[in-house]
């Protein structure tokens, strides 16, 4: 079957949006070739006259598919009324870091590279021998050439992600590079939002049916998309249709706690209930009411939203997005890397809630203890029906050993999970109200399962 390419893009069906004149060179180097980048930053860039070189750290399946298609791929936007198809042409080159490290370093140092964007997942920032080391070495090469200013823009779901990226890279600089970076290097923060499920054979079948050609880099996404960027660039940037602000932190908290926190909660409960997707989980009796209570009574009081935003209204929009049956966002995909995601999605909320207000009052932590119990039970590795639940997590061994040592007692298992200091901050771990409430919920999950527990809330 013919593959999507420059040669046939103009001959696609008329209802498929195709790119106009494509850029010949890239001013953006993107690290991380996953589906989210293709459905988010690449689409924003496709609306400008800039191009992207997309670099895969390890697996080369996606970049090989892109290279075979002249960098073209489709985004299927899935709404309740159906799908719309768009061919994106912003990617003009590909790179495999594992086998082309020297080329990667040269691109970081190149005068033509003005912005480096990243979607490398939360855990990658903790490995100095990985992407942080690559960036530090490439920036050192740029500094040695007295190259032009560079902006490194993190697009991962991390609080204050610009500072996180800077803190991962700058300690690896030599003195000369550090001096150059003081006036030539920026690490703005950003907040990204769009639900992008992992591509499946059905994704590629849809692309073939709609296009009449094969696209092995196709992705699917919800209609909603948002990008909030700190207005702090060292040099030129694409004319992205994003929201530029000096208060990214407020937007980050709004999204991480209200969207991502509820997303993870539903994913763990759904996986326990042997439900495949978040939309299916939200359809369980009691699940939507629980999510709404969690947002209104636990998440909203934990922070101040950015100007003009209302957490309750935002939460309702989140639930509407989660209900979209066309988005098959699998619970097991969202459940991955819980030890890396939950500190900002869940435990930061608990930490802020647990602080007394000036009058000495504290918020009851009963509702938000349920996701703690659900994650604990998920980590044990079995659903309510006895199906195996894979624990895909960099702290898998630590988690499993802690739970094994705790035995079957719910309180001991909660203590074991909350005692993992790489995940849970000490004030949260030592909160007796949280421990009691989480142990209560874990007993309910053990006895009745997730679906019944939600129904009887």
Protein backbone atom coordinates (compact mmCIF):
# COMPACT_ATOMS: atom_id res chain seq x y z
CA UNK A 1 0.00 0.00 0.00
CA UNK A 2 1.25 3.48 -0.90
CA UNK A 3 2.62 5.49 2.04
CA UNK A 4 1.70 9.08 2.85
CA UNK A 5 4.29 11.40 1.19
CA UNK A 6 4.87 14.79 -0.39
CA UNK A 7 4.01 13.23 -3.74
CA UNK A 8 0.47 12.22 -2.80
CA UNK A 9 -0.45 14.75 -0.07
CA UNK A 10 -2.10 17.11 -2.56
CA UNK A 11 -4.22 14.25 -3.94
CA UNK A 12 -5.86 13.32 -0.64
CA UNK A 13 -9.64 13.63 -0.20
CA UNK A 14 -10.88 17.21 -0.10
CA UNK A 15 -12.08 17.08 3.50
CA UNK A 16 -8.54 16.28 4.73
CA UNK A 17 -6.58 19.38 5.68
CA UNK A 18 -3.10 19.32 4.15
CA UNK A 19 -0.09 21.62 4.66
CA UNK A 20 0.72 24.40 2.23
CA UNK A 21 4.33 25.30 1.43
CA UNK A 22 6.46 23.38 3.90
CA UNK A 23 9.54 24.87 5.61
CA UNK A 24 12.85 23.69 4.21
CA UNK A 25 14.84 23.99 7.43
CA UNK A 26 14.09 23.57 11.12
CA UNK A 27 14.54 26.21 13.79
CA UNK A 28 13.13 23.90 16.46
CA UNK A 29 14.82 20.74 17.73
CA UNK A 30 12.35 18.57 19.61
CA UNK A 31 13.56 15.83 21.94
CA UNK A 32 11.00 13.04 22.29
CA UNK A 33 9.09 11.62 19.31
CA UNK A 34 5.94 10.52 21.14
CA UNK A 35 2.32 10.89 20.13
CA UNK A 36 1.74 13.90 22.36
CA UNK A 37 4.33 16.04 20.60
CA UNK A 38 2.90 15.16 17.21
CA UNK A 39 -0.65 16.05 18.29
CA UNK A 40 0.32 19.19 20.20
CA UNK A 41 3.55 21.15 19.60
CA UNK A 42 3.90 19.92 16.00
CA UNK A 43 0.37 21.12 15.21
CA UNK A 44 1.04 24.54 16.74
CA UNK A 45 4.27 24.77 14.71
CA UNK A 46 2.49 23.66 11.55
CA UNK A 47 0.51 26.91 11.76
CA UNK A 48 3.77 28.90 11.49
CA UNK A 49 6.55 29.04 8.90
CA UNK A 50 9.02 27.17 11.15
CA UNK A 51 10.12 23.55 10.87
CA UNK A 52 11.02 20.88 13.44
CA UNK A 53 13.74 18.27 13.63
CA UNK A 54 12.27 15.57 15.86
CA UNK A 55 14.76 13.44 17.81
CA UNK A 56 14.00 10.06 19.38
CA UNK A 57 16.19 9.20 22.38
CA UNK A 58 15.98 5.40 22.00
CA UNK A 59 13.22 3.71 20.00
CA UNK A 60 13.34 4.60 16.33
CA UNK A 61 9.97 3.20 15.20
CA UNK A 62 8.26 6.59 14.98
CA UNK A 63 11.09 8.49 13.33
CA UNK A 64 11.59 5.69 10.79
CA UNK A 65 7.90 5.91 9.95
CA UNK A 66 8.16 9.69 9.63
CA UNK A 67 11.29 9.49 7.47
CA UNK A 68 9.51 7.08 5.11
CA UNK A 69 6.66 9.62 4.80
CA UNK A 70 8.74 12.79 4.21
CA UNK A 71 7.96 13.80 7.79
CA UNK A 72 4.20 13.89 7.15
CA UNK A 73 1.63 12.38 9.50
CA UNK A 74 -2.04 12.78 10.30
CA UNK A 75 -3.85 13.91 13.42
CA UNK A 76 -7.40 12.60 13.77
CA UNK A 77 -9.36 14.96 16.01
CA UNK A 78 -12.06 12.84 17.65
CA UNK A 79 -15.20 14.49 18.91
CA UNK A 80 -18.59 13.06 19.82
CA UNK A 81 -19.85 13.91 16.32
CA UNK A 82 -17.02 12.15 14.50
CA UNK A 83 -13.44 12.65 13.32
CA UNK A 84 -11.67 15.33 11.31
CA UNK A 85 -8.33 14.62 9.65
CA UNK A 86 -5.32 16.90 9.30
CA UNK A 87 -1.95 16.18 7.70
CA UNK A 88 0.85 17.96 9.59
CA UNK A 89 3.94 19.05 7.70
CA UNK A 90 6.02 20.80 10.38
CA UNK A 91 8.52 17.95 10.81
CA UNK A 92 11.26 18.37 8.21
CA UNK A 93 13.96 16.07 9.61
CA UNK A 94 14.43 13.21 12.07
CA UNK A 95 17.23 12.12 14.37
CA UNK A 96 17.99 8.99 16.42
CA UNK A 97 19.97 10.12 19.46
CA UNK A 98 21.18 6.66 20.48
CA UNK A 99 23.02 6.16 17.18
CA UNK A 100 23.54 9.80 16.08
CA UNK A 101 24.73 11.48 19.24
CA UNK A 102 27.33 13.64 17.47
CA UNK A 103 24.73 14.92 15.06
CA UNK A 104 22.43 15.67 17.99
CA UNK A 105 25.18 17.69 19.69
CA UNK A 106 25.86 19.58 16.47
CA UNK A 107 22.17 20.44 16.12
CA UNK A 108 22.00 21.74 19.69
CA UNK A 109 25.03 23.91 18.89
CA UNK A 110 23.87 24.98 15.41
CA UNK A 111 23.21 28.66 14.76
CA UNK A 112 19.99 27.67 12.98
CA UNK A 113 18.54 26.03 16.10
CA UNK A 114 16.77 28.67 18.16
CA UNK A 115 14.41 26.63 20.35
CA UNK A 116 14.72 23.15 21.85
CA UNK A 117 11.46 21.64 23.08
CA UNK A 118 11.17 18.51 25.21
CA UNK A 119 8.59 15.79 25.90
CA UNK A 120 10.73 13.13 27.53
CA UNK A 121 8.47 12.19 30.51
CA UNK A 122 8.99 13.10 34.15
CA UNK A 123 11.60 10.49 35.05
CA UNK A 124 14.08 11.50 32.31
CA UNK A 125 15.05 14.74 34.07
CA UNK A 126 16.60 12.72 36.91
CA UNK A 127 19.17 10.98 34.72
CA UNK A 128 22.25 13.18 34.22
CA UNK A 129 23.63 10.65 31.73
CA UNK A 130 20.54 10.93 29.54
CA UNK A 131 18.90 13.99 27.98
CA UNK A 132 20.21 16.47 30.61
CA UNK A 133 23.76 15.35 29.82
CA UNK A 134 23.13 15.59 26.09
CA UNK A 135 21.79 19.12 26.45
CA UNK A 136 24.69 20.19 28.65
CA UNK A 137 27.25 18.85 26.18
CA UNK A 138 25.51 20.42 23.18
CA UNK A 139 25.13 23.78 24.90
CA UNK A 140 28.83 23.64 25.86
CA UNK A 141 29.65 23.15 22.18
CA UNK A 142 27.43 26.12 21.32
CA UNK A 143 29.05 28.28 23.99
CA UNK A 144 32.56 27.36 22.77
CA UNK A 145 31.57 28.68 19.33
CA UNK A 146 30.03 31.83 20.86
CA UNK A 147 26.79 30.78 19.24
CA UNK A 148 23.54 32.74 19.27
CA UNK A 149 21.08 32.62 22.20
CA UNK A 150 19.07 29.45 22.78
CA UNK A 151 15.76 28.70 24.49
CA UNK A 152 15.11 25.29 26.07
CA UNK A 153 11.35 24.83 26.52
CA UNK A 154 10.07 21.93 28.62
CA UNK A 155 6.64 20.60 27.60
CA UNK A 156 6.36 17.82 30.19
CA UNK A 157 3.80 17.70 33.00
CA UNK A 158 6.04 18.99 35.77
CA UNK A 159 5.46 21.89 38.16
CA UNK A 160 7.77 24.80 37.35
CA UNK A 161 9.10 22.69 34.51
CA UNK A 162 11.47 25.37 33.23
CA UNK A 163 13.28 25.45 36.56
CA UNK A 164 13.22 21.64 36.69
CA UNK A 165 14.95 21.53 33.31
CA UNK A 166 17.46 24.21 34.27
CA UNK A 167 18.26 22.40 37.54
CA UNK A 168 18.87 19.17 35.62
CA UNK A 169 21.18 20.75 33.02
CA UNK A 170 23.07 23.69 34.54
CA UNK A 171 24.98 21.71 37.23
CA UNK A 172 26.62 19.82 34.36
CA UNK A 173 28.11 23.00 32.80
CA UNK A 174 31.80 23.87 32.91
CA UNK A 175 32.67 27.45 34.01
CA UNK A 176 32.93 28.81 30.45
CA UNK A 177 29.54 27.41 29.48
CA UNK A 178 28.00 28.73 32.68
CA UNK A 179 29.27 32.22 31.88
CA UNK A 180 27.88 32.08 28.32
CA UNK A 181 24.53 30.76 29.60
CA UNK A 182 24.00 33.68 31.95
CA UNK A 183 23.13 35.97 29.04
CA UNK A 184 22.34 33.55 26.20
CA UNK A 185 20.23 30.72 27.59
CA UNK A 186 16.59 30.69 28.76
CA UNK A 187 14.49 27.94 30.34
CA UNK A 188 10.88 29.21 30.25
CA UNK A 189 8.15 27.13 31.82
CA UNK A 190 5.08 25.96 29.94
CA UNK A 191 1.81 24.15 30.49
CA UNK A 192 0.52 21.83 27.77
CA UNK A 193 -2.90 20.24 27.57
CA UNK A 194 -4.47 17.84 25.12
CA UNK A 195 -5.58 14.25 25.66
CA UNK A 196 -3.66 12.08 23.20
CA UNK A 197 -4.15 8.31 23.56
CA UNK A 198 -1.44 5.95 22.41
CA UNK A 199 -1.84 5.02 18.74
CA UNK A 200 -3.29 1.57 18.07
CA UNK A 201 -3.95 -0.50 14.94
CA UNK A 202 -7.35 1.20 14.83
CA UNK A 203 -5.56 4.57 14.55
CA UNK A 204 -3.70 3.42 11.45
CA UNK A 205 -6.82 1.78 10.00
CA UNK A 206 -8.72 5.06 10.37
CA UNK A 207 -5.92 6.94 8.60
CA UNK A 208 -5.90 4.42 5.73
CA UNK A 209 -9.68 4.60 5.37
CA UNK A 210 -9.80 8.40 5.40
CA UNK A 211 -6.67 9.11 3.36
CA UNK A 212 -6.50 6.19 0.98
CA UNK A 213 -2.77 5.82 1.82
CA UNK A 214 -0.91 4.26 4.75
CA UNK A 215 0.25 6.45 7.65
CA UNK A 216 2.26 4.58 10.28
CA UNK A 217 2.89 7.77 12.31
CA UNK A 218 -0.78 8.71 12.70
CA UNK A 219 -2.12 9.94 16.03
CA UNK A 220 -5.54 10.65 17.56
CA UNK A 221 -6.49 13.47 19.93
CA UNK A 222 -9.42 15.21 21.55
CA UNK A 223 -10.65 18.55 20.13
CA UNK A 224 -9.41 20.58 23.11
CA UNK A 225 -5.85 21.90 23.02
CA UNK A 226 -4.01 24.49 25.11
CA UNK A 227 -0.45 25.76 25.46
CA UNK A 228 0.53 28.33 28.09
CA UNK A 229 4.14 29.56 27.85
CA UNK A 230 6.23 31.82 30.06
CA UNK A 231 7.14 34.85 27.98
CA UNK A 232 10.90 34.51 28.45
CA UNK A 233 12.76 33.53 25.28
CA UNK A 234 16.47 34.11 24.72
CA UNK A 235 16.13 34.54 20.97
CA UNK A 236 13.65 34.07 18.10
CA UNK A 237 10.64 31.79 18.48
CA UNK A 238 7.86 30.55 16.19
CA UNK A 239 4.63 32.53 16.12
CA UNK A 240 2.80 29.85 18.09
CA UNK A 241 -0.86 30.65 18.83
CA UNK A 242 -0.26 30.01 22.54
CA UNK A 243 -1.06 31.95 25.70
CA UNK A 244 2.01 33.89 26.84
CA UNK A 245 2.10 34.84 30.50
CA UNK A 246 4.30 35.53 33.51
CA UNK A 247 2.18 33.21 35.70
CA UNK A 248 2.62 29.74 34.25
CA UNK A 249 2.73 28.29 37.78
CA UNK A 250 -0.94 29.03 38.37
CA UNK A 251 -1.93 27.34 35.11
CA UNK A 252 0.32 24.38 35.95
CA UNK A 253 -1.35 23.83 39.32
CA UNK A 254 -4.81 24.15 37.78
CA UNK A 255 -4.05 21.50 35.18
CA UNK A 256 -1.81 19.14 37.17
CA UNK A 257 -4.19 18.93 40.12
CA UNK A 258 -7.59 19.23 38.47
CA UNK A 259 -7.04 17.39 35.19
CA UNK A 260 -4.02 15.15 35.71
CA UNK A 261 -4.81 14.37 39.33
CA UNK A 262 -8.36 13.27 38.51
CA UNK A 263 -7.11 11.47 35.38
CA UNK A 264 -4.70 9.36 37.45
CA UNK A 265 -7.34 8.74 40.12
CA UNK A 266 -9.84 7.44 37.56
CA UNK A 267 -7.13 5.38 35.87
CA UNK A 268 -6.25 3.48 39.05
CA UNK A 269 -9.88 2.95 40.03
CA UNK A 270 -10.76 1.88 36.49
CA UNK A 271 -7.86 -0.55 36.26
CA UNK A 272 -8.91 -2.12 39.56
CA UNK A 273 -12.50 -2.41 38.28
CA UNK A 274 -11.26 -4.14 35.09
CA UNK A 275 -12.37 -1.17 32.97
CA UNK A 276 -10.26 -0.30 29.93
CA UNK A 277 -10.61 3.46 29.46
CA UNK A 278 -11.14 6.64 31.47
CA UNK A 279 -14.46 7.35 29.73
CA UNK A 280 -15.65 3.87 30.73
CA UNK A 281 -14.48 4.48 34.31
CA UNK A 282 -16.35 7.77 34.50
CA UNK A 283 -19.51 5.91 33.41
CA UNK A 284 -19.37 3.60 36.45
CA UNK A 285 -22.16 4.35 38.96
CA UNK A 286 -20.91 6.96 41.41
CA UNK A 287 -17.65 7.70 39.57
CA UNK A 288 -18.60 11.08 38.12
CA UNK A 289 -20.08 12.28 41.40
CA UNK A 290 -16.90 11.23 43.20
CA UNK A 291 -14.73 13.08 40.66
CA UNK A 292 -16.87 16.20 41.03
CA UNK A 293 -16.69 16.04 44.86
CA UNK A 294 -12.94 15.50 44.70
CA UNK A 295 -12.50 18.61 42.55
CA UNK A 296 -14.85 20.79 44.54
CA UNK A 297 -14.04 19.74 48.10
CA UNK A 298 -10.36 18.76 47.95
CA UNK A 299 -8.63 20.11 44.86
CA UNK A 300 -10.19 23.58 44.57
CA UNK A 301 -9.34 24.61 48.17
CA UNK A 302 -5.69 23.59 47.74
CA UNK A 303 -4.55 26.49 45.51
CA UNK A 304 -5.45 29.82 43.94
CA UNK A 305 -6.17 29.54 40.20
CA UNK A 306 -4.75 32.05 37.69
CA UNK A 307 -6.63 35.28 37.12
CA UNK A 308 -9.90 34.80 35.29
CA UNK A 309 -10.08 31.06 35.96
CA UNK A 310 -12.51 29.18 38.20
CA UNK A 311 -11.43 25.73 39.39
CA UNK A 312 -14.99 24.39 39.62
CA UNK A 313 -15.84 25.48 36.07
CA UNK A 314 -12.51 24.15 34.81
CA UNK A 315 -13.28 20.87 36.58
CA UNK A 316 -16.63 20.58 34.81
CA UNK A 317 -14.88 21.10 31.46
CA UNK A 318 -12.39 18.37 32.42
CA UNK A 319 -15.19 15.90 33.17
CA UNK A 320 -16.85 16.73 29.86
CA UNK A 321 -13.57 15.96 28.08
CA UNK A 322 -13.17 12.69 30.00
CA UNK A 323 -16.69 11.63 28.95
CA UNK A 324 -15.79 11.85 25.24
CA UNK A 325 -16.34 8.21 24.11
CA UNK A 326 -14.22 8.71 21.01
CA UNK A 327 -11.06 9.12 23.11
CA UNK A 328 -9.97 5.62 24.11
CA UNK A 329 -7.43 6.69 26.73
CA UNK A 330 -6.46 3.43 28.41
CA UNK A 331 -6.29 3.30 32.20
CA UNK A 332 -3.09 1.25 32.11
CA UNK A 333 -1.37 3.86 29.94
CA UNK A 334 -2.23 6.66 32.38
CA UNK A 335 -1.29 4.47 35.36
CA UNK A 336 2.34 4.17 34.22
CA UNK A 337 5.09 5.87 36.25
CA UNK A 338 2.87 6.69 39.22
CA UNK A 339 5.86 7.34 41.47
CA UNK A 340 6.94 10.12 39.09
CA UNK A 341 3.49 11.61 38.41
CA UNK A 342 1.70 11.49 41.75
CA UNK A 343 4.02 13.83 43.71
CA UNK A 344 2.71 16.78 41.66
CA UNK A 345 -0.71 15.40 40.71
CA UNK A 346 -1.83 14.16 44.15
CA UNK A 347 0.59 14.59 47.04
CA UNK A 348 1.17 18.31 46.43
CA UNK A 349 -2.59 18.81 46.74
CA UNK A 350 -2.66 16.85 49.99
CA UNK A 351 0.30 18.79 51.38
CA UNK A 352 -1.42 22.13 50.75
CA UNK A 353 -4.75 20.90 52.08
CA UNK A 354 -3.15 19.61 55.27
CA UNK A 355 -1.78 23.04 56.19
CA UNK A 356 -3.94 24.87 58.71
CA UNK A 357 -5.44 28.18 57.66
CA UNK A 358 -4.92 31.30 59.84
CA UNK A 359 -7.96 30.32 61.93
CA UNK A 360 -6.40 26.94 62.68
CA UNK A 361 -8.85 24.95 60.53
CA UNK A 362 -7.87 22.07 58.29
CA UNK A 363 -9.70 20.45 55.39
CA UNK A 364 -10.91 16.89 55.89
CA UNK A 365 -8.79 14.55 53.74
CA UNK A 366 -11.27 11.69 53.44
CA UNK A 367 -12.06 11.98 49.72
CA UNK A 368 -8.50 12.51 48.53
CA UNK A 369 -7.39 9.48 50.56
CA UNK A 370 -9.29 7.22 48.12
CA UNK A 371 -6.83 7.75 45.22
CA UNK A 372 -3.97 7.01 47.65
CA UNK A 373 -5.64 3.71 48.52
CA UNK A 374 -6.40 2.96 44.85
CA UNK A 375 -2.75 3.47 43.86
CA UNK A 376 -1.64 1.27 46.77
CA UNK A 377 -3.95 -1.54 45.68
CA UNK A 378 -2.98 -1.09 42.02
CA UNK A 379 0.69 -1.48 42.93
CA UNK A 380 -0.07 -4.90 44.42
CA UNK A 381 -0.58 -6.09 40.85
CA UNK A 382 -4.08 -7.59 40.69
CA UNK A 383 -7.44 -6.19 39.62
CA UNK A 384 -10.65 -6.89 41.50
CA UNK A 385 -11.31 -9.79 39.11
CA UNK A 386 -7.78 -11.16 39.59
CA UNK A 387 -6.29 -9.93 36.31
CA UNK A 388 -2.62 -8.99 36.34
CA UNK A 389 -1.94 -5.25 36.52
CA UNK A 390 1.53 -4.36 35.21
CA UNK A 391 3.51 -2.00 37.42
CA UNK A 392 5.46 0.00 34.83
CA UNK A 393 7.36 2.29 37.16
CA UNK A 394 11.04 3.18 37.75
CA UNK A 395 10.52 2.50 41.49
CA UNK A 396 8.78 -0.82 40.87
CA UNK A 397 11.19 -2.84 43.02
CA UNK A 398 11.05 -0.38 45.92
CA UNK A 399 7.25 -0.30 45.83
CA UNK A 400 6.80 -4.05 45.60
CA UNK A 401 9.34 -4.74 48.35
CA UNK A 402 7.68 -2.23 50.65
CA UNK A 403 4.25 -3.77 50.09
CA UNK A 404 5.55 -7.31 50.52
CA UNK A 405 7.09 -6.40 53.87
CA UNK A 406 3.80 -4.84 54.99
CA UNK A 407 1.79 -8.03 54.50
CA UNK A 408 -1.99 -7.93 54.10
CA UNK A 409 -2.93 -5.41 56.78
CA UNK A 410 -4.40 -2.30 55.07
CA UNK A 411 -2.92 0.17 57.56
CA UNK A 412 0.53 -1.39 57.21
CA UNK A 413 0.29 -1.27 53.40
CA UNK A 414 -0.68 2.40 53.46
CA UNK A 415 2.20 3.11 55.84
CA UNK A 416 4.53 1.29 53.46
CA UNK A 417 3.45 3.34 50.43
CA UNK A 418 3.47 6.65 52.29
CA UNK A 419 6.89 5.79 53.67
CA UNK A 420 8.55 5.89 50.24
CA UNK A 421 10.32 9.22 50.57
CA UNK A 422 11.21 9.45 46.87
CA UNK A 423 7.47 9.85 46.26
CA UNK A 424 5.72 11.15 49.38
CA UNK A 425 6.94 14.26 51.24
CA UNK A 426 7.36 13.83 54.99
CA UNK A 427 4.49 16.13 56.08
CA UNK A 428 2.08 14.09 53.95
CA UNK A 429 3.46 10.74 55.09
CA UNK A 430 3.15 11.75 58.73
CA UNK A 431 -0.44 12.99 58.45
CA UNK A 432 -2.42 10.68 60.72
CA UNK A 433 -5.80 11.71 59.29
CA UNK A 434 -4.67 10.77 55.80
CA UNK A 435 -3.23 7.45 56.94
CA UNK A 436 -6.44 6.47 58.73
CA UNK A 437 -8.68 7.52 55.85
CA UNK A 438 -6.52 5.77 53.23
CA UNK A 439 -6.44 2.56 55.30
CA UNK A 440 -10.24 2.70 55.57
CA UNK A 441 -10.59 3.05 51.80
CA UNK A 442 -8.09 0.25 51.18
CA UNK A 443 -10.17 -2.08 53.36
CA UNK A 444 -13.23 -1.12 51.29
CA UNK A 445 -11.39 -1.77 48.02
CA UNK A 446 -10.10 -5.12 49.32
CA UNK A 447 -13.53 -6.25 50.44
CA UNK A 448 -15.84 -4.85 47.78
CA UNK A 449 -13.76 -3.76 44.80
CA UNK A 450 -13.48 -0.37 43.13
CA UNK A 451 -16.80 -0.39 41.28
CA UNK A 452 -18.87 -1.17 44.37
CA UNK A 453 -16.89 1.28 46.50
CA UNK A 454 -17.65 4.08 44.02
CA UNK A 455 -21.31 3.11 43.74
CA UNK A 456 -21.80 3.22 47.52
CA UNK A 457 -20.02 6.54 48.11
